[in-house]
N, C-alpha and C. Protein backbone atom coordinates (compact mmCIF):
# COMPACT_ATOMS: atom_id res chain seq x y z
N UNK A 1 14.83 -7.44 32.43
CA UNK A 1 13.83 -7.54 32.76
C UNK A 1 12.80 -6.03 32.52
N UNK A 2 13.64 -5.21 32.57
CA UNK A 2 13.53 -3.82 32.68
C UNK A 2 13.21 -3.74 30.76
N UNK A 3 13.71 -4.54 30.00
CA UNK A 3 13.40 -4.67 28.73
C UNK A 3 11.98 -5.39 27.82
N UNK A 4 12.53 -6.49 28.54
CA UNK A 4 10.92 -6.74 28.98
C UNK A 4 9.82 -6.06 28.88
N UNK A 5 9.69 -5.11 29.64
CA UNK A 5 8.37 -4.05 30.01
C UNK A 5 8.55 -3.07 29.26
N UNK A 6 9.49 -2.75 28.61
CA UNK A 6 9.88 -1.72 28.17
C UNK A 6 8.88 -2.13 26.63
N UNK A 7 9.96 -3.82 26.10
CA UNK A 7 8.86 -3.93 24.89
C UNK A 7 7.89 -4.46 24.69
N UNK A 8 6.83 -4.69 26.24
CA UNK A 8 5.32 -4.96 26.15
C UNK A 8 4.16 -3.24 26.14
N UNK A 9 5.06 -2.41 27.06
CA UNK A 9 4.63 -0.91 26.74
C UNK A 9 4.65 -0.79 24.95
N UNK A 10 6.16 -0.92 24.48
CA UNK A 10 5.83 -0.48 23.30
C UNK A 10 5.41 -1.22 22.15
N UNK A 11 4.35 -2.64 22.50
CA UNK A 11 4.08 -3.22 21.60
C UNK A 11 2.34 -2.83 21.70
N UNK A 12 2.44 -2.43 23.15
CA UNK A 12 0.62 -1.87 22.94
C UNK A 12 0.40 -0.59 22.71
N UNK A 13 1.42 0.02 22.77
CA UNK A 13 1.57 1.92 21.95
C UNK A 13 1.41 1.42 20.38
N UNK A 14 1.91 0.38 19.93
CA UNK A 14 2.30 0.30 18.71
C UNK A 14 0.84 0.06 17.68
N UNK A 15 -0.03 -1.35 18.52
CA UNK A 15 -1.23 -1.81 18.84
C UNK A 15 -2.56 -1.09 18.51
N UNK A 16 -2.42 -0.34 19.33
CA UNK A 16 -2.88 1.33 19.64
C UNK A 16 -2.68 1.91 18.58
N UNK A 17 -1.91 2.64 17.92
CA UNK A 17 -2.29 3.36 16.76
C UNK A 17 -2.46 2.60 15.52
N UNK A 18 -2.33 1.65 15.49
CA UNK A 18 -2.35 1.05 14.44
C UNK A 18 -4.24 0.07 14.75
N UNK A 19 -4.91 0.66 15.71
CA UNK A 19 -6.04 0.16 16.06
C UNK A 19 -6.45 1.75 15.56
N UNK A 20 -6.16 2.93 15.94
CA UNK A 20 -6.81 4.10 15.52
C UNK A 20 -6.30 4.95 14.08
N UNK A 21 -5.43 4.60 13.60
CA UNK A 21 -5.53 4.53 12.41
C UNK A 21 -5.04 4.51 11.21
N UNK A 22 -5.30 2.77 11.36
CA UNK A 22 -5.40 1.51 9.85
C UNK A 22 -6.67 1.70 9.28
N UNK A 23 -6.41 1.22 7.87
CA UNK A 23 -7.88 1.52 6.99
C UNK A 23 -8.36 -0.24 7.32
N UNK A 24 -9.42 -0.19 7.36
CA UNK A 24 -9.88 -1.33 7.37
C UNK A 24 -10.58 -1.48 6.05
N UNK A 25 -10.83 -3.19 5.72
CA UNK A 25 -10.85 -3.66 4.33
C UNK A 25 -11.92 -3.23 3.92
N UNK A 26 -12.93 -2.64 4.42
CA UNK A 26 -13.91 -1.87 3.13
C UNK A 26 -13.25 -0.80 2.49
N UNK A 27 -12.84 0.64 3.00
CA UNK A 27 -11.41 1.18 2.79
C UNK A 27 -10.79 0.66 1.94
N UNK A 28 -9.95 0.43 2.04
CA UNK A 28 -8.98 -0.47 0.94
C UNK A 28 -9.87 -1.10 -0.30
N UNK A 29 -10.89 -1.54 0.08
CA UNK A 29 -11.46 -2.29 -1.38
C UNK A 29 -12.19 -0.92 -2.13
N UNK A 30 -12.75 0.01 -1.72
CA UNK A 30 -13.05 1.50 -2.37
C UNK A 30 -12.17 2.20 -3.23
N UNK A 31 -11.17 2.19 -1.89
CA UNK A 31 -9.70 2.64 -3.00
C UNK A 31 -9.24 2.17 -4.08
N UNK A 32 -8.86 0.95 -3.76
CA UNK A 32 -8.79 0.07 -5.39
C UNK A 32 -9.73 0.34 -6.35
N UNK A 33 -11.70 -0.29 -6.50
CA UNK A 33 -11.84 0.16 -7.60
C UNK A 33 -11.60 1.72 -7.78
N UNK A 34 -11.55 2.75 -6.81
CA UNK A 34 -11.34 3.95 -7.25
C UNK A 34 -10.43 4.16 -8.25
N UNK A 35 -8.88 3.79 -8.06
CA UNK A 35 -8.03 3.24 -8.65
C UNK A 35 -7.91 3.17 -9.52
N UNK A 36 -8.55 1.91 -9.97
CA UNK A 36 -8.76 1.22 -11.07
C UNK A 36 -9.26 2.42 -11.89
N UNK A 37 -10.69 2.37 -11.63
CA UNK A 37 -11.79 3.45 -12.53
C UNK A 37 -11.14 4.76 -13.01
N UNK A 38 -9.86 4.72 -12.64
CA UNK A 38 -9.26 6.80 -13.68
C UNK A 38 -8.57 5.70 -13.94
N UNK A 39 -7.92 4.50 -14.22
CA UNK A 39 -6.99 3.95 -15.34
C UNK A 39 -6.04 4.49 -15.14
N UNK A 40 -5.41 5.26 -13.53
CA UNK A 40 -4.09 6.20 -14.02
C UNK A 40 -3.19 5.26 -13.32
N UNK A 41 -3.45 3.93 -12.26
CA UNK A 41 -2.61 3.11 -12.43
C UNK A 41 -3.08 1.99 -13.08
N UNK A 42 -1.46 0.57 -13.69
CA UNK A 42 -1.72 -0.24 -14.27
C UNK A 42 -1.71 -1.63 -13.48
N UNK A 43 -2.84 -2.18 -13.59
CA UNK A 43 -2.72 -3.32 -12.43
C UNK A 43 -2.55 -4.52 -13.34
N UNK A 44 -1.29 -5.65 -13.49
CA UNK A 44 -1.21 -6.62 -13.82
C UNK A 44 -1.46 -7.26 -14.71
N UNK A 45 -0.85 -5.55 -15.46
CA UNK A 45 -0.51 -6.09 -17.13
C UNK A 45 1.03 -5.50 -17.88
N UNK A 46 1.65 -6.59 -17.51
CA UNK A 46 3.44 -5.81 -18.43
C UNK A 46 3.11 -5.15 -19.34
N UNK A 47 2.44 -5.47 -19.98
CA UNK A 47 3.39 -4.90 -21.18
C UNK A 47 2.04 -3.78 -21.62
N UNK A 48 1.12 -3.34 -20.88
CA UNK A 48 0.51 -1.94 -20.75
C UNK A 48 1.29 -1.11 -20.46
N UNK A 49 1.91 -1.79 -18.94
CA UNK A 49 2.75 -0.87 -18.18
C UNK A 49 3.85 -0.15 -18.72
N UNK A 50 4.40 -1.40 -19.69
CA UNK A 50 5.91 -1.09 -20.80
C UNK A 50 5.56 -0.19 -22.11
N UNK A 51 4.65 -0.38 -22.57
CA UNK A 51 3.89 0.63 -23.51
C UNK A 51 3.78 2.02 -23.29
N UNK A 52 3.26 2.05 -21.98
CA UNK A 52 3.22 3.21 -21.28
C UNK A 52 4.38 4.13 -20.43
N UNK A 53 5.11 3.41 -20.47
CA UNK A 53 6.78 4.32 -19.74
C UNK A 53 7.26 4.65 -21.03
N UNK A 54 7.38 3.81 -22.26
CA UNK A 54 8.02 4.23 -23.91
C UNK A 54 7.01 5.00 -24.33
N UNK A 55 5.85 5.44 -24.02
CA UNK A 55 5.72 6.57 -24.79
C UNK A 55 5.27 8.00 -23.85
N UNK A 56 5.29 7.43 -22.24
CA UNK A 56 5.43 9.03 -21.75
C UNK A 56 6.77 9.72 -21.82
N UNK A 57 8.05 8.35 -21.57
CA UNK A 57 9.18 8.16 -21.43
C UNK A 57 9.59 8.20 -19.89
N UNK A 58 8.72 7.86 -18.86
CA UNK A 58 8.95 7.67 -17.68
C UNK A 58 8.99 6.29 -17.31
N UNK A 59 10.24 6.08 -15.97
CA UNK A 59 10.75 5.28 -15.68
C UNK A 59 9.26 4.81 -15.39
N UNK A 60 9.30 3.30 -15.48
CA UNK A 60 8.44 2.30 -15.00
C UNK A 60 8.61 1.45 -13.36
N UNK A 61 7.58 1.26 -12.02
CA UNK A 61 7.51 0.90 -11.49
C UNK A 61 7.02 -0.48 -11.25
N UNK A 62 7.51 -1.39 -11.32
CA UNK A 62 6.79 -2.63 -10.86
C UNK A 62 6.90 -3.20 -9.28
N UNK A 63 5.71 -3.27 -8.51
CA UNK A 63 5.62 -3.69 -7.32
C UNK A 63 5.58 -5.30 -7.27
N UNK A 64 6.15 -6.57 -6.82
CA UNK A 64 6.19 -7.94 -6.67
C UNK A 64 5.33 -7.91 -5.52
N UNK A 65 4.48 -8.80 -5.67
CA UNK A 65 3.64 -9.09 -3.87
C UNK A 65 3.85 -10.66 -3.94
């Protein structure tokens, strides 16, 4: 019983924190447009990513979603 109450309280606190500090869909969309327009991030083009990594001599980070 004690763990159930503690779990409920913790869940409420985490939910409140996510509502206060979470990004809205509009903010995420704006960030995505800003990142793509700078050309700094390569999105959905593995060949371009490998070419850029080879050119700069830096490692390549690939994220699978």
